[in-house]
Amino acid sequence: MTYLAIEQDEEFYDKESQAWLARNVSSIRVSSMNEGIEKAMHNQFLYIGINADNINYKPKLKLLRGVTNDPIFISTSTYTMQEQTEAIYLGADLFCEISGNSSDNINACLTSINRLNERIRQRKHPIKLLVYGNILLAPKHRKVFVGDEDIELTRIEFDTLQYLMSNHGLVLSYQQIYRRVWKNEYAESDISVNSVVKNVIWRLRKKIDRQDGAKSFIDNVFGVGFRFTV
């Protein structure tokens, strides 16, 4: 058995993971919600633990809940009823105060896991997300995050980005993108099609690209079209 820790404090993680290992439970640590969502999409865990002291979990907790039926436990050293209510509403199964005693933390987890097993089996199938690097796209919710920022996109921009991300690494021609997103035949000339697609890509880059001058997420393949890369 393995649990997933979404945790930036390596010292605290080492202490907890050693206590779990004594009970024959291994662990994996990631340091961001994006990484946690990606792991949860492709693996099954005993539970997913989030340390609210160093992880900004709220913007993406519903998305994490959507991709996994595994129990989600959030711990904090600054517990309040208000934050507990919000965390449960967003999809957490348990929100509690961190104990200085690792055994207490483990016992709380195991008690909750036993209580949740039947409910977990009755949950719906997980939703599908696209996660590449710092970008997360939720087709069902029509949401896009860059890091923790919720990016507002038009319908055309969202559908274009989804098409590019769904074909990650592949070169898509102007005509392919136009047909898929606009759901029309070509415009009267390739020049007009190219211009329409280029304009949308230009707007997308302004909204999702890094601000540090690094290479764009969307490559321009001269004379052919575009490719999404990270």
C-alpha atoms as a PDB file:
ATOM      1  CA  MET A   1       0.000   0.000   0.000  1.00  0.00           C
ATOM      2  CA  THR A   2       1.114   3.549  -0.767  1.00  0.00           C
ATOM      3  CA  TYR A   3      -0.157   6.976   0.200  1.00  0.00           C
ATOM      4  CA  LEU A   4       0.388  10.243  -1.690  1.00  0.00           C
ATOM      5  CA  ALA A   5       1.638  13.277   0.230  1.00  0.00           C
ATOM      6  CA  ILE A   6       1.138  16.721  -1.318  1.00  0.00           C
ATOM      7  CA  GLU A   7       3.649  18.415   0.909  1.00  0.00           C
ATOM      8  CA  GLN A   8       6.505  20.931   0.675  1.00  0.00           C
ATOM      9  CA  ASP A   9       7.958  20.379   4.161  1.00  0.00           C
ATOM     10  CA  GLU A  10      10.474  17.575   3.617  1.00  0.00           C
ATOM     11  CA  GLU A  11      11.314  17.251   7.318  1.00  0.00           C
ATOM     12  CA  PHE A  12       7.670  16.739   8.318  1.00  0.00           C
ATOM     13  CA  TYR A  13       7.155  14.325   5.420  1.00  0.00           C
ATOM     14  CA  ASP A  14      10.188  12.246   6.405  1.00  0.00           C
ATOM     15  CA  LYS A  15       8.876  11.891   9.960  1.00  0.00           C
ATOM     16  CA  GLU A  16       5.377  10.853   8.873  1.00  0.00           C
ATOM     17  CA  SER A  17       6.543   8.547   6.091  1.00  0.00           C
ATOM     18  CA  GLN A  18       8.858   6.657   8.448  1.00  0.00           C
ATOM     19  CA  ALA A  19       5.977   6.115  10.863  1.00  0.00           C
ATOM     20  CA  TRP A  20       3.810   4.759   8.040  1.00  0.00           C
ATOM     21  CA  LEU A  21       6.655   2.588   6.772  1.00  0.00           C
ATOM     22  CA  ALA A  22       6.738   0.882  10.168  1.00  0.00           C
ATOM     23  CA  ARG A  23       3.197  -0.259   9.283  1.00  0.00           C
ATOM     24  CA  ASN A  24       4.287  -1.470   5.837  1.00  0.00           C
ATOM     25  CA  VAL A  25       2.811   1.538   4.029  1.00  0.00           C
ATOM     26  CA  SER A  26       5.104   3.312   1.561  1.00  0.00           C
ATOM     27  CA  SER A  27       4.658   6.842   0.252  1.00  0.00           C
ATOM     28  CA  ILE A  28       5.225   9.273  -2.607  1.00  0.00           C
ATOM     29  CA  ARG A  29       5.715  13.016  -2.089  1.00  0.00           C
ATOM     30  CA  VAL A  30       4.915  15.796  -4.564  1.00  0.00           C
ATOM     31  CA  SER A  31       5.130  19.519  -3.885  1.00  0.00           C
ATOM     32  CA  SER A  32       2.188  20.960  -5.851  1.00  0.00           C
ATOM     33  CA  MET A  33      -1.485  20.287  -6.562  1.00  0.00           C
ATOM     34  CA  ASN A  34      -0.737  19.891 -10.284  1.00  0.00           C
ATOM     35  CA  GLU A  35       1.703  17.072  -9.556  1.00  0.00           C
ATOM     36  CA  GLY A  36      -0.740  15.543  -7.098  1.00  0.00           C
ATOM     37  CA  ILE A  37      -3.585  15.571  -9.618  1.00  0.00           C
ATOM     38  CA  GLU A  38      -1.372  13.997 -12.264  1.00  0.00           C
ATOM     39  CA  LYS A  39      -0.322  11.201  -9.872  1.00  0.00           C
ATOM     40  CA  ALA A  40      -3.914  10.640  -8.747  1.00  0.00           C
ATOM     41  CA  MET A  41      -5.099  10.315 -12.342  1.00  0.00           C
ATOM     42  CA  HIS A  42      -2.818   7.342 -13.009  1.00  0.00           C
ATOM     43  CA  ASN A  43      -2.462   5.618  -9.640  1.00  0.00           C
ATOM     44  CA  GLN A  44      -4.522   4.363  -6.723  1.00  0.00           C
ATOM     45  CA  PHE A  45      -3.470   5.303  -3.198  1.00  0.00           C
ATOM     46  CA  LEU A  46      -4.417   4.331   0.331  1.00  0.00           C
ATOM     47  CA  TYR A  47      -5.171   8.034   0.772  1.00  0.00           C
ATOM     48  CA  ILE A  48      -4.019  11.452  -0.442  1.00  0.00           C
ATOM     49  CA  GLY A  49      -2.725  13.765   2.276  1.00  0.00           C
ATOM     50  CA  ILE A  50      -2.429  17.540   1.791  1.00  0.00           C
ATOM     51  CA  ASN A  51      -0.609  19.818   4.221  1.00  0.00           C
ATOM     52  CA  ALA A  52      -2.616  23.056   4.203  1.00  0.00           C
ATOM     53  CA  ASP A  53       0.234  24.861   5.965  1.00  0.00           C
ATOM     54  CA  ASN A  54       2.290  24.957   2.778  1.00  0.00           C
ATOM     55  CA  ILE A  55      -0.009  23.900  -0.084  1.00  0.00           C
ATOM     56  CA  ASN A  56      -2.615  26.238  -1.636  1.00  0.00           C
ATOM     57  CA  TYR A  57      -5.141  23.466  -2.182  1.00  0.00           C
ATOM     58  CA  LYS A  58      -8.446  25.337  -2.534  1.00  0.00           C
ATOM     59  CA  PRO A  59      -8.343  26.369  -6.230  1.00  0.00           C
ATOM     60  CA  LYS A  60      -7.861  22.762  -7.400  1.00  0.00           C
ATOM     61  CA  LEU A  61      -9.364  20.567  -4.698  1.00  0.00           C
ATOM     62  CA  LYS A  62     -12.579  19.970  -6.674  1.00  0.00           C
ATOM     63  CA  LEU A  63     -10.502  18.888  -9.659  1.00  0.00           C
ATOM     64  CA  LEU A  64      -8.473  16.476  -7.517  1.00  0.00           C
ATOM     65  CA  ARG A  65     -11.730  15.094  -6.128  1.00  0.00           C
ATOM     66  CA  GLY A  66     -13.007  14.649  -9.671  1.00  0.00           C
ATOM     67  CA  VAL A  67     -10.116  12.474 -10.869  1.00  0.00           C
ATOM     68  CA  THR A  68      -9.905  10.041  -7.942  1.00  0.00           C
ATOM     69  CA  ASN A  69     -12.044   8.048  -5.534  1.00  0.00           C
ATOM     70  CA  ASP A  70      -9.154   7.797  -3.055  1.00  0.00           C
ATOM     71  CA  PRO A  71      -9.732   9.418   0.368  1.00  0.00           C
ATOM     72  CA  ILE A  72      -8.459  13.013   0.544  1.00  0.00           C
ATOM     73  CA  PHE A  73      -7.254  14.170   3.954  1.00  0.00           C
ATOM     74  CA  ILE A  74      -6.204  17.759   4.656  1.00  0.00           C
ATOM     75  CA  SER A  75      -4.242  18.652   7.762  1.00  0.00           C
ATOM     76  CA  THR A  76      -3.310  22.029   9.234  1.00  0.00           C
ATOM     77  CA  SER A  77      -1.760  23.560  12.326  1.00  0.00           C
ATOM     78  CA  THR A  78      -4.280  26.431  12.223  1.00  0.00           C
ATOM     79  CA  TYR A  79      -7.614  24.593  12.320  1.00  0.00           C
ATOM     80  CA  THR A  80     -10.878  26.516  12.061  1.00  0.00           C
ATOM     81  CA  MET A  81     -14.451  25.276  11.615  1.00  0.00           C
ATOM     82  CA  GLN A  82     -14.920  27.653   8.691  1.00  0.00           C
ATOM     83  CA  GLU A  83     -11.964  26.216   6.785  1.00  0.00           C
ATOM     84  CA  GLN A  84     -13.077  22.682   7.595  1.00  0.00           C
ATOM     85  CA  THR A  85     -16.539  23.387   6.172  1.00  0.00           C
ATOM     86  CA  GLU A  86     -15.040  24.860   3.005  1.00  0.00           C
ATOM     87  CA  ALA A  87     -12.574  21.973   2.547  1.00  0.00           C
ATOM     88  CA  ILE A  88     -15.325  19.349   2.940  1.00  0.00           C
ATOM     89  CA  TYR A  89     -17.517  21.254   0.482  1.00  0.00           C
ATOM     90  CA  LEU A  90     -14.678  21.281  -2.063  1.00  0.00           C
ATOM     91  CA  GLY A  91     -14.198  17.517  -1.799  1.00  0.00           C
ATOM     92  CA  ALA A  92     -12.028  16.642   1.188  1.00  0.00           C
ATOM     93  CA  ASP A  93     -13.033  13.605   3.231  1.00  0.00           C
ATOM     94  CA  LEU A  94     -11.255  14.783   6.373  1.00  0.00           C
ATOM     95  CA  PHE A  95      -9.950  18.141   7.604  1.00  0.00           C
ATOM     96  CA  CYS A  96      -8.124  18.035  10.894  1.00  0.00           C
ATOM     97  CA  GLU A  97      -5.417  19.576  13.020  1.00  0.00           C
ATOM     98  CA  ILE A  98      -1.901  18.135  12.711  1.00  0.00           C
ATOM     99  CA  SER A  99      -0.777  16.286  15.789  1.00  0.00           C
ATOM    100  CA  GLY A 100       2.803  16.353  16.993  1.00  0.00           C
ATOM    101  CA  ASN A 101       2.486  12.606  17.479  1.00  0.00           C
ATOM    102  CA  SER A 102       2.756  10.673  14.191  1.00  0.00           C
ATOM    103  CA  SER A 103       0.828   7.722  15.655  1.00  0.00           C
ATOM    104  CA  ASP A 104      -2.154   9.989  16.340  1.00  0.00           C
ATOM    105  CA  ASN A 105      -2.068  11.221  12.747  1.00  0.00           C
ATOM    106  CA  ILE A 106      -1.923   7.667  11.400  1.00  0.00           C
ATOM    107  CA  ASN A 107      -4.746   6.453  13.633  1.00  0.00           C
ATOM    108  CA  ALA A 108      -6.945   9.344  12.497  1.00  0.00           C
ATOM    109  CA  CYS A 109      -6.235   8.432   8.865  1.00  0.00           C
ATOM    110  CA  LEU A 110      -6.946   4.730   9.338  1.00  0.00           C
ATOM    111  CA  THR A 111     -10.196   5.408  11.206  1.00  0.00           C
ATOM    112  CA  SER A 112     -11.372   7.689   8.410  1.00  0.00           C
ATOM    113  CA  ILE A 113     -10.316   5.237   5.681  1.00  0.00           C
ATOM    114  CA  ASN A 114     -12.364   2.456   7.258  1.00  0.00           C
ATOM    115  CA  ARG A 115     -15.362   4.781   7.526  1.00  0.00           C
ATOM    116  CA  LEU A 116     -15.078   5.947   3.919  1.00  0.00           C
ATOM    117  CA  ASN A 117     -14.564   2.633   2.128  1.00  0.00           C
ATOM    118  CA  GLU A 118     -18.228   1.969   1.399  1.00  0.00           C
ATOM    119  CA  ARG A 119     -18.887   5.542   0.284  1.00  0.00           C
ATOM    120  CA  ILE A 120     -15.864   5.467  -2.016  1.00  0.00           C
ATOM    121  CA  ARG A 121     -17.099   2.337  -3.776  1.00  0.00           C
ATOM    122  CA  GLN A 122     -20.353   4.088  -4.604  1.00  0.00           C
ATOM    123  CA  ARG A 123     -18.806   7.169  -6.190  1.00  0.00           C
ATOM    124  CA  LYS A 124     -19.092   7.942  -9.895  1.00  0.00           C
ATOM    125  CA  HIS A 125     -16.306   7.360 -12.400  1.00  0.00           C
ATOM    126  CA  PRO A 126     -13.497   9.927 -12.204  1.00  0.00           C
ATOM    127  CA  ILE A 127     -13.499  12.896 -14.577  1.00  0.00           C
ATOM    128  CA  LYS A 128     -10.764  13.379 -17.170  1.00  0.00           C
ATOM    129  CA  LEU A 129      -8.229  16.199 -16.989  1.00  0.00           C
ATOM    130  CA  LEU A 130      -5.333  17.300 -19.191  1.00  0.00           C
ATOM    131  CA  VAL A 131      -2.200  18.161 -17.193  1.00  0.00           C
ATOM    132  CA  TYR A 132       1.081  19.223 -18.778  1.00  0.00           C
ATOM    133  CA  GLY A 133       3.685  21.090 -16.776  1.00  0.00           C
ATOM    134  CA  ASN A 134       2.088  24.077 -15.076  1.00  0.00           C
ATOM    135  CA  ILE A 135      -1.103  23.952 -17.165  1.00  0.00           C
ATOM    136  CA  LEU A 136      -4.211  22.038 -16.109  1.00  0.00           C
ATOM    137  CA  LEU A 137      -7.340  21.863 -18.293  1.00  0.00           C
ATOM    138  CA  ALA A 138     -10.660  20.398 -17.111  1.00  0.00           C
ATOM    139  CA  PRO A 139     -12.871  19.695 -20.173  1.00  0.00           C
ATOM    140  CA  LYS A 140     -16.038  18.909 -18.209  1.00  0.00           C
ATOM    141  CA  HIS A 141     -15.799  22.069 -16.104  1.00  0.00           C
ATOM    142  CA  ARG A 142     -14.289  24.114 -18.964  1.00  0.00           C
ATOM    143  CA  LYS A 143     -11.624  25.390 -16.579  1.00  0.00           C
ATOM    144  CA  VAL A 144      -7.958  26.183 -17.231  1.00  0.00           C
ATOM    145  CA  PHE A 145      -5.345  26.804 -14.544  1.00  0.00           C
ATOM    146  CA  VAL A 146      -1.809  28.070 -14.996  1.00  0.00           C
ATOM    147  CA  GLY A 147      -0.207  27.323 -11.650  1.00  0.00           C
ATOM    148  CA  ASP A 148      -2.870  28.340  -9.135  1.00  0.00           C
ATOM    149  CA  GLU A 149      -4.373  31.023 -11.379  1.00  0.00           C
ATOM    150  CA  ASP A 150      -7.795  30.397 -12.918  1.00  0.00           C
ATOM    151  CA  ILE A 151      -7.492  31.639 -16.528  1.00  0.00           C
ATOM    152  CA  GLU A 152     -10.545  33.047 -18.308  1.00  0.00           C
ATOM    153  CA  LEU A 153     -10.795  31.882 -21.928  1.00  0.00           C
ATOM    154  CA  THR A 154     -13.409  32.393 -24.618  1.00  0.00           C
ATOM    155  CA  ARG A 155     -15.124  29.336 -26.081  1.00  0.00           C
ATOM    156  CA  ILE A 156     -12.872  29.438 -29.154  1.00  0.00           C
ATOM    157  CA  GLU A 157      -9.716  29.873 -27.058  1.00  0.00           C
ATOM    158  CA  PHE A 158     -10.672  27.015 -24.716  1.00  0.00           C
ATOM    159  CA  ASP A 159     -11.550  24.611 -27.551  1.00  0.00           C
ATOM    160  CA  THR A 160      -8.320  25.480 -29.382  1.00  0.00           C
ATOM    161  CA  LEU A 161      -6.194  24.866 -26.274  1.00  0.00           C
ATOM    162  CA  GLN A 162      -8.031  21.600 -25.525  1.00  0.00           C
ATOM    163  CA  TYR A 163      -7.445  20.365 -29.073  1.00  0.00           C
ATOM    164  CA  LEU A 164      -3.738  21.233 -28.907  1.00  0.00           C
ATOM    165  CA  MET A 165      -3.273  19.660 -25.456  1.00  0.00           C
ATOM    166  CA  SER A 166      -5.215  16.531 -26.452  1.00  0.00           C
ATOM    167  CA  ASN A 167      -2.709  16.088 -29.271  1.00  0.00           C
ATOM    168  CA  HIS A 168       0.346  17.001 -27.188  1.00  0.00           C
ATOM    169  CA  GLY A 169       3.550  16.889 -29.231  1.00  0.00           C
ATOM    170  CA  LEU A 170       1.765  16.542 -32.596  1.00  0.00           C
ATOM    171  CA  VAL A 171       1.819  19.239 -35.273  1.00  0.00           C
ATOM    172  CA  LEU A 172      -1.723  20.327 -36.149  1.00  0.00           C
ATOM    173  CA  SER A 173      -2.279  22.233 -39.374  1.00  0.00           C
ATOM    174  CA  TYR A 174      -4.207  25.489 -39.601  1.00  0.00           C
ATOM    175  CA  GLN A 175      -6.953  23.624 -41.451  1.00  0.00           C
ATOM    176  CA  GLN A 176      -7.192  20.881 -38.809  1.00  0.00           C
ATOM    177  CA  ILE A 177      -7.514  23.408 -36.010  1.00  0.00           C
ATOM    178  CA  TYR A 178     -10.041  25.485 -37.946  1.00  0.00           C
ATOM    179  CA  ARG A 179     -12.219  22.502 -38.805  1.00  0.00           C
ATOM    180  CA  ARG A 180     -12.160  21.124 -35.247  1.00  0.00           C
ATOM    181  CA  VAL A 181     -12.754  24.363 -33.364  1.00  0.00           C
ATOM    182  CA  TRP A 182     -14.959  26.352 -35.701  1.00  0.00           C
ATOM    183  CA  LYS A 183     -16.626  23.181 -37.044  1.00  0.00           C
ATOM    184  CA  ASN A 184     -16.766  24.708 -40.525  1.00  0.00           C
ATOM    185  CA  GLU A 185     -15.195  23.912 -43.861  1.00  0.00           C
ATOM    186  CA  TYR A 186     -12.237  26.034 -44.900  1.00  0.00           C
ATOM    187  CA  ALA A 187     -12.702  29.726 -45.433  1.00  0.00           C
ATOM    188  CA  GLU A 188     -12.336  30.797 -49.057  1.00  0.00           C
ATOM    189  CA  SER A 189      -8.550  30.773 -48.938  1.00  0.00           C
ATOM    190  CA  ASP A 190      -5.816  29.269 -46.809  1.00  0.00           C
ATOM    191  CA  ILE A 191      -4.652  32.791 -46.007  1.00  0.00           C
ATOM    192  CA  SER A 192      -7.919  33.680 -44.246  1.00  0.00           C
ATOM    193  CA  VAL A 193      -7.934  30.354 -42.357  1.00  0.00           C
ATOM    194  CA  ASN A 194      -4.342  30.887 -41.249  1.00  0.00           C
ATOM    195  CA  SER A 195      -5.093  34.414 -40.064  1.00  0.00           C
ATOM    196  CA  VAL A 196      -8.090  33.332 -37.984  1.00  0.00           C
ATOM    197  CA  VAL A 197      -6.125  30.544 -36.275  1.00  0.00           C
ATOM    198  CA  LYS A 198      -3.021  32.697 -35.750  1.00  0.00           C
ATOM    199  CA  ASN A 199      -5.117  35.356 -34.040  1.00  0.00           C
ATOM    200  CA  VAL A 200      -6.525  32.862 -31.530  1.00  0.00           C
ATOM    201  CA  ILE A 201      -3.079  31.378 -30.847  1.00  0.00           C
ATOM    202  CA  TRP A 202      -1.726  34.892 -30.245  1.00  0.00           C
ATOM    203  CA  ARG A 203      -4.460  35.532 -27.646  1.00  0.00           C
ATOM    204  CA  LEU A 204      -3.862  32.141 -26.009  1.00  0.00           C
ATOM    205  CA  ARG A 205      -0.147  32.766 -25.669  1.00  0.00           C
ATOM    206  CA  LYS A 206      -0.789  36.073 -23.924  1.00  0.00           C
ATOM    207  CA  LYS A 207      -2.976  34.319 -21.359  1.00  0.00           C
ATOM    208  CA  ILE A 208      -1.138  31.052 -20.641  1.00  0.00           C
ATOM    209  CA  ASP A 209       2.542  31.554 -21.423  1.00  0.00           C
ATOM    210  CA  ARG A 210       5.239  32.099 -18.828  1.00  0.00           C
ATOM    211  CA  GLN A 211       5.991  35.700 -17.977  1.00  0.00           C
ATOM    212  CA  ASP A 212       9.754  35.191 -17.632  1.00  0.00           C
ATOM    213  CA  GLY A 213      10.545  35.298 -21.345  1.00  0.00           C
ATOM    214  CA  ALA A 214      10.896  31.514 -21.591  1.00  0.00           C
ATOM    215  CA  LYS A 215       9.836  29.551 -24.661  1.00  0.00           C
ATOM    216  CA  SER A 216       6.097  29.489 -25.439  1.00  0.00           C
ATOM    217  CA  PHE A 217       3.969  26.433 -24.624  1.00  0.00           C
ATOM    218  CA  ILE A 218       2.691  26.566 -28.208  1.00  0.00           C
ATOM    219  CA  ASP A 219       5.246  26.072 -30.990  1.00  0.00           C
ATOM    220  CA  ASN A 220       4.763  27.658 -34.389  1.00  0.00           C
ATOM    221  CA  VAL A 221       5.751  25.192 -37.124  1.00  0.00           C
ATOM    222  CA  PHE A 222       6.414  27.571 -40.015  1.00  0.00           C
ATOM    223  CA  GLY A 223       4.037  27.168 -42.921  1.00  0.00           C
ATOM    224  CA  VAL A 224       2.213  24.205 -41.353  1.00  0.00           C
ATOM    225  CA  GLY A 225       0.509  25.015 -38.052  1.00  0.00           C
ATOM    226  CA  PHE A 226       1.057  24.679 -34.301  1.00  0.00           C
ATOM    227  CA  ARG A 227       2.127  22.137 -31.675  1.00  0.00           C
ATOM    228  CA  PHE A 228       1.590  22.118 -27.898  1.00  0.00           C
ATOM    229  CA  THR A 229       4.771  21.292 -25.974  1.00  0.00           C
ATOM    230  CA  VAL A 230       6.006  21.745 -22.407  1.00  0.00           C
END
